Amino acid sequence: MTQLWFHPYSLDQIHFRCQTLASQLGIEFIELGDGYLKGRMPVDERTRQPFGILHGGASVALAETLGSVAAGLVIDPSKYRAVGQEINANHVRAIAKGFVIGTARPIHIGKRSHVWEIRIVDEQERLVCISRITMAVLEVT
């Protein structure tokens, strides 16, 4: 595989760029590999729904964070911005504690759009959620 990322980014650089909703939910980036970005999120009072299990919206927030950041790492940030255009998610397993780990991998990298798949698993690597996000690549004006 050819180098996917625009620069050889470090996890510290990624964390610095993402002090937003991600930090409020406890999302942290844990691995940047050749063609993927991995992050984790706690299942706690910030991310559980009233029945005590992981809120589907929190899973989607993790997926969108990973897909959006990964798309932003592919493009030249002085010329382009990647913004979410569509996201979907299938929630397949309930989880009440611990961490969920998401891995974003590209399905399509085009000049004007990207499609990323984000697999979210529990600490035993059982599938919790599968998501796909389409990113629009816009010129900076």
C-alpha atoms as a PDB file:
ATOM      1  CA  MET A   1       0.000   0.000   0.000  1.00  0.00           C
ATOM      2  CA  THR A   2       1.258   3.470  -0.795  1.00  0.00           C
ATOM      3  CA  GLN A   3       1.453   6.050   1.963  1.00  0.00           C
ATOM      4  CA  LEU A   4      -2.112   7.199   2.634  1.00  0.00           C
ATOM      5  CA  TRP A   5      -1.456  10.142   4.946  1.00  0.00           C
ATOM      6  CA  PHE A   6      -0.537  13.588   3.566  1.00  0.00           C
ATOM      7  CA  HIS A   7       2.190  14.018   6.233  1.00  0.00           C
ATOM      8  CA  PRO A   8       3.753  11.530   8.643  1.00  0.00           C
ATOM      9  CA  TYR A   9       1.482  12.651  11.495  1.00  0.00           C
ATOM     10  CA  SER A  10       1.951  11.666  15.132  1.00  0.00           C
ATOM     11  CA  LEU A  11      -0.809  10.844  17.594  1.00  0.00           C
ATOM     12  CA  ASP A  12       0.089  14.005  19.551  1.00  0.00           C
ATOM     13  CA  GLN A  13      -0.573  16.142  16.462  1.00  0.00           C
ATOM     14  CA  ILE A  14      -3.931  14.461  15.966  1.00  0.00           C
ATOM     15  CA  HIS A  15      -4.953  14.966  19.615  1.00  0.00           C
ATOM     16  CA  PHE A  16      -4.029  18.650  19.412  1.00  0.00           C
ATOM     17  CA  ARG A  17      -6.309  19.126  16.374  1.00  0.00           C
ATOM     18  CA  CYS A  18      -9.327  17.464  18.003  1.00  0.00           C
ATOM     19  CA  GLN A  19     -10.151  19.135  21.300  1.00  0.00           C
ATOM     20  CA  THR A  20     -13.892  19.259  20.662  1.00  0.00           C
ATOM     21  CA  LEU A  21     -16.789  16.847  21.163  1.00  0.00           C
ATOM     22  CA  ALA A  22     -14.235  14.034  21.096  1.00  0.00           C
ATOM     23  CA  SER A  23     -12.585  15.255  24.290  1.00  0.00           C
ATOM     24  CA  GLN A  24     -15.962  15.739  26.011  1.00  0.00           C
ATOM     25  CA  LEU A  25     -16.828  12.082  25.356  1.00  0.00           C
ATOM     26  CA  GLY A  26     -13.382  10.839  26.383  1.00  0.00           C
ATOM     27  CA  ILE A  27     -12.420   9.797  22.854  1.00  0.00           C
ATOM     28  CA  GLU A  28      -8.709   9.301  22.406  1.00  0.00           C
ATOM     29  CA  PHE A  29      -6.685   8.298  19.381  1.00  0.00           C
ATOM     30  CA  ILE A  30      -4.581   5.246  20.116  1.00  0.00           C
ATOM     31  CA  GLU A  31      -2.996   4.134  16.852  1.00  0.00           C
ATOM     32  CA  LEU A  32      -2.221   5.578  13.442  1.00  0.00           C
ATOM     33  CA  GLY A  33      -1.157   2.821  11.092  1.00  0.00           C
ATOM     34  CA  ASP A  34      -0.560   2.298   7.422  1.00  0.00           C
ATOM     35  CA  GLY A  35      -4.063   2.946   6.128  1.00  0.00           C
ATOM     36  CA  TYR A  36      -6.069   3.143   9.362  1.00  0.00           C
ATOM     37  CA  LEU A  37      -6.783   5.317  12.394  1.00  0.00           C
ATOM     38  CA  LYS A  38      -7.831   3.721  15.677  1.00  0.00           C
ATOM     39  CA  GLY A  39      -9.424   5.356  18.702  1.00  0.00           C
ATOM     40  CA  ARG A  40     -11.258   4.372  21.838  1.00  0.00           C
ATOM     41  CA  MET A  41     -14.075   5.754  23.942  1.00  0.00           C
ATOM     42  CA  PRO A  42     -15.163   4.862  27.472  1.00  0.00           C
ATOM     43  CA  VAL A  43     -18.607   3.467  28.150  1.00  0.00           C
ATOM     44  CA  ASP A  44     -19.482   5.591  31.182  1.00  0.00           C
ATOM     45  CA  GLU A  45     -21.951   8.247  32.397  1.00  0.00           C
ATOM     46  CA  ARG A  46     -21.063  10.454  29.395  1.00  0.00           C
ATOM     47  CA  THR A  47     -21.791   7.818  26.768  1.00  0.00           C
ATOM     48  CA  ARG A  48     -24.520   5.564  28.214  1.00  0.00           C
ATOM     49  CA  GLN A  49     -28.228   5.964  27.541  1.00  0.00           C
ATOM     50  CA  PRO A  50     -30.878   5.770  30.333  1.00  0.00           C
ATOM     51  CA  PHE A  51     -30.987   1.948  30.239  1.00  0.00           C
ATOM     52  CA  GLY A  52     -27.295   1.783  31.160  1.00  0.00           C
ATOM     53  CA  ILE A  53     -25.884   0.706  27.793  1.00  0.00           C
ATOM     54  CA  LEU A  54     -23.805   2.545  25.230  1.00  0.00           C
ATOM     55  CA  HIS A  55     -25.869   5.231  23.490  1.00  0.00           C
ATOM     56  CA  GLY A  56     -26.066   4.728  19.721  1.00  0.00           C
ATOM     57  CA  GLY A  57     -25.370   8.417  19.234  1.00  0.00           C
ATOM     58  CA  ALA A  58     -22.108   8.065  21.140  1.00  0.00           C
ATOM     59  CA  SER A  59     -21.080   5.229  18.805  1.00  0.00           C
ATOM     60  CA  VAL A  60     -21.896   7.455  15.831  1.00  0.00           C
ATOM     61  CA  ALA A  61     -19.903  10.310  17.402  1.00  0.00           C
ATOM     62  CA  LEU A  62     -16.889   7.980  17.724  1.00  0.00           C
ATOM     63  CA  ALA A  63     -17.343   6.805  14.126  1.00  0.00           C
ATOM     64  CA  GLU A  64     -17.682  10.336  12.763  1.00  0.00           C
ATOM     65  CA  THR A  65     -14.690  11.533  14.767  1.00  0.00           C
ATOM     66  CA  LEU A  66     -12.470   8.749  13.448  1.00  0.00           C
ATOM     67  CA  GLY A  67     -13.699   8.998   9.852  1.00  0.00           C
ATOM     68  CA  SER A  68     -13.515  12.793   9.767  1.00  0.00           C
ATOM     69  CA  VAL A  69     -10.061  12.999  11.302  1.00  0.00           C
ATOM     70  CA  ALA A  70      -8.737  10.222   9.062  1.00  0.00           C
ATOM     71  CA  ALA A  71     -10.106  11.971   5.965  1.00  0.00           C
ATOM     72  CA  GLY A  72      -8.466  15.190   7.099  1.00  0.00           C
ATOM     73  CA  LEU A  73      -5.114  13.437   7.404  1.00  0.00           C
ATOM     74  CA  VAL A  74      -5.216  12.347   3.750  1.00  0.00           C
ATOM     75  CA  ILE A  75      -5.668  15.770   2.167  1.00  0.00           C
ATOM     76  CA  ASP A  76      -3.476  18.869   1.980  1.00  0.00           C
ATOM     77  CA  PRO A  77      -4.895  20.987   4.845  1.00  0.00           C
ATOM     78  CA  SER A  78      -3.690  24.219   3.251  1.00  0.00           C
ATOM     79  CA  LYS A  79      -5.933  23.579   0.218  1.00  0.00           C
ATOM     80  CA  TYR A  80      -8.811  21.350   1.327  1.00  0.00           C
ATOM     81  CA  ARG A  81     -11.206  20.533   4.167  1.00  0.00           C
ATOM     82  CA  ALA A  82     -13.055  17.247   4.590  1.00  0.00           C
ATOM     83  CA  VAL A  83     -16.576  17.580   5.988  1.00  0.00           C
ATOM     84  CA  GLY A  84     -19.150  14.938   6.785  1.00  0.00           C
ATOM     85  CA  GLN A  85     -21.823  14.480   4.151  1.00  0.00           C
ATOM     86  CA  GLU A  86     -23.573  11.273   5.268  1.00  0.00           C
ATOM     87  CA  ILE A  87     -23.128   8.694   7.996  1.00  0.00           C
ATOM     88  CA  ASN A  88     -24.917   5.479   8.815  1.00  0.00           C
ATOM     89  CA  ALA A  89     -24.499   2.947  11.583  1.00  0.00           C
ATOM     90  CA  ASN A  90     -25.736  -0.485  12.512  1.00  0.00           C
ATOM     91  CA  HIS A  91     -25.668  -1.211  16.229  1.00  0.00           C
ATOM     92  CA  VAL A  92     -25.204  -4.948  16.703  1.00  0.00           C
ATOM     93  CA  ARG A  93     -24.191  -5.494  20.340  1.00  0.00           C
ATOM     94  CA  ALA A  94     -25.035  -3.729  23.600  1.00  0.00           C
ATOM     95  CA  ILE A  95     -22.214  -2.869  25.975  1.00  0.00           C
ATOM     96  CA  ALA A  96     -22.540  -1.400  29.472  1.00  0.00           C
ATOM     97  CA  LYS A  97     -18.957  -0.801  30.659  1.00  0.00           C
ATOM     98  CA  GLY A  98     -15.348  -0.695  29.601  1.00  0.00           C
ATOM     99  CA  PHE A  99     -14.185   0.778  26.328  1.00  0.00           C
ATOM    100  CA  VAL A 100     -15.170   0.552  22.701  1.00  0.00           C
ATOM    101  CA  ILE A 101     -12.433   0.679  20.084  1.00  0.00           C
ATOM    102  CA  GLY A 102     -13.055   2.043  16.605  1.00  0.00           C
ATOM    103  CA  THR A 103     -10.930   1.574  13.512  1.00  0.00           C
ATOM    104  CA  ALA A 104     -11.428   3.768  10.440  1.00  0.00           C
ATOM    105  CA  ARG A 105     -10.263   2.433   7.069  1.00  0.00           C
ATOM    106  CA  PRO A 106     -10.808   3.960   3.632  1.00  0.00           C
ATOM    107  CA  ILE A 107     -13.158   2.349   1.150  1.00  0.00           C
ATOM    108  CA  HIS A 108     -12.785   5.118  -1.452  1.00  0.00           C
ATOM    109  CA  ILE A 109     -10.394   8.079  -1.615  1.00  0.00           C
ATOM    110  CA  GLY A 110     -11.372  10.429  -4.434  1.00  0.00           C
ATOM    111  CA  LYS A 111     -10.539  14.008  -5.307  1.00  0.00           C
ATOM    112  CA  ARG A 112     -13.937  15.325  -4.112  1.00  0.00           C
ATOM    113  CA  SER A 113     -15.182  12.628  -1.753  1.00  0.00           C
ATOM    114  CA  HIS A 114     -14.035   9.875   0.586  1.00  0.00           C
ATOM    115  CA  VAL A 115     -15.890   6.895   1.987  1.00  0.00           C
ATOM    116  CA  TRP A 116     -14.625   5.404   5.256  1.00  0.00           C
ATOM    117  CA  GLU A 117     -15.718   2.297   7.154  1.00  0.00           C
ATOM    118  CA  ILE A 118     -15.501   2.385  10.937  1.00  0.00           C
ATOM    119  CA  ARG A 119     -15.708  -0.891  12.862  1.00  0.00           C
ATOM    120  CA  ILE A 120     -16.366  -0.446  16.582  1.00  0.00           C
ATOM    121  CA  VAL A 121     -15.627  -3.403  18.838  1.00  0.00           C
ATOM    122  CA  ASP A 122     -15.585  -4.079  22.573  1.00  0.00           C
ATOM    123  CA  GLU A 123     -12.450  -5.002  24.516  1.00  0.00           C
ATOM    124  CA  GLN A 124     -12.969  -8.659  23.560  1.00  0.00           C
ATOM    125  CA  GLU A 125     -13.008  -7.575  19.877  1.00  0.00           C
ATOM    126  CA  ARG A 126     -16.705  -8.391  19.453  1.00  0.00           C
ATOM    127  CA  LEU A 127     -18.474  -6.152  16.931  1.00  0.00           C
ATOM    128  CA  VAL A 128     -20.576  -3.447  18.622  1.00  0.00           C
ATOM    129  CA  CYS A 129     -21.265  -1.142  15.674  1.00  0.00           C
ATOM    130  CA  ILE A 130     -20.380  -0.889  12.007  1.00  0.00           C
ATOM    131  CA  SER A 131     -20.543   2.542  10.398  1.00  0.00           C
ATOM    132  CA  ARG A 132     -19.776   4.165   7.081  1.00  0.00           C
ATOM    133  CA  ILE A 133     -19.193   7.866   6.515  1.00  0.00           C
ATOM    134  CA  THR A 134     -19.035   9.845   3.281  1.00  0.00           C
ATOM    135  CA  MET A 135     -16.835  12.907   3.434  1.00  0.00           C
ATOM    136  CA  ALA A 136     -17.028  15.810   0.985  1.00  0.00           C
ATOM    137  CA  VAL A 137     -13.632  17.301   0.129  1.00  0.00           C
ATOM    138  CA  LEU A 138     -13.985  21.068  -0.232  1.00  0.00           C
ATOM    139  CA  GLU A 139     -11.476  23.662  -1.391  1.00  0.00           C
ATOM    140  CA  VAL A 140     -10.425  26.208   1.200  1.00  0.00           C
ATOM    141  CA  THR A 141     -11.578  29.642   0.096  1.00  0.00           C
END
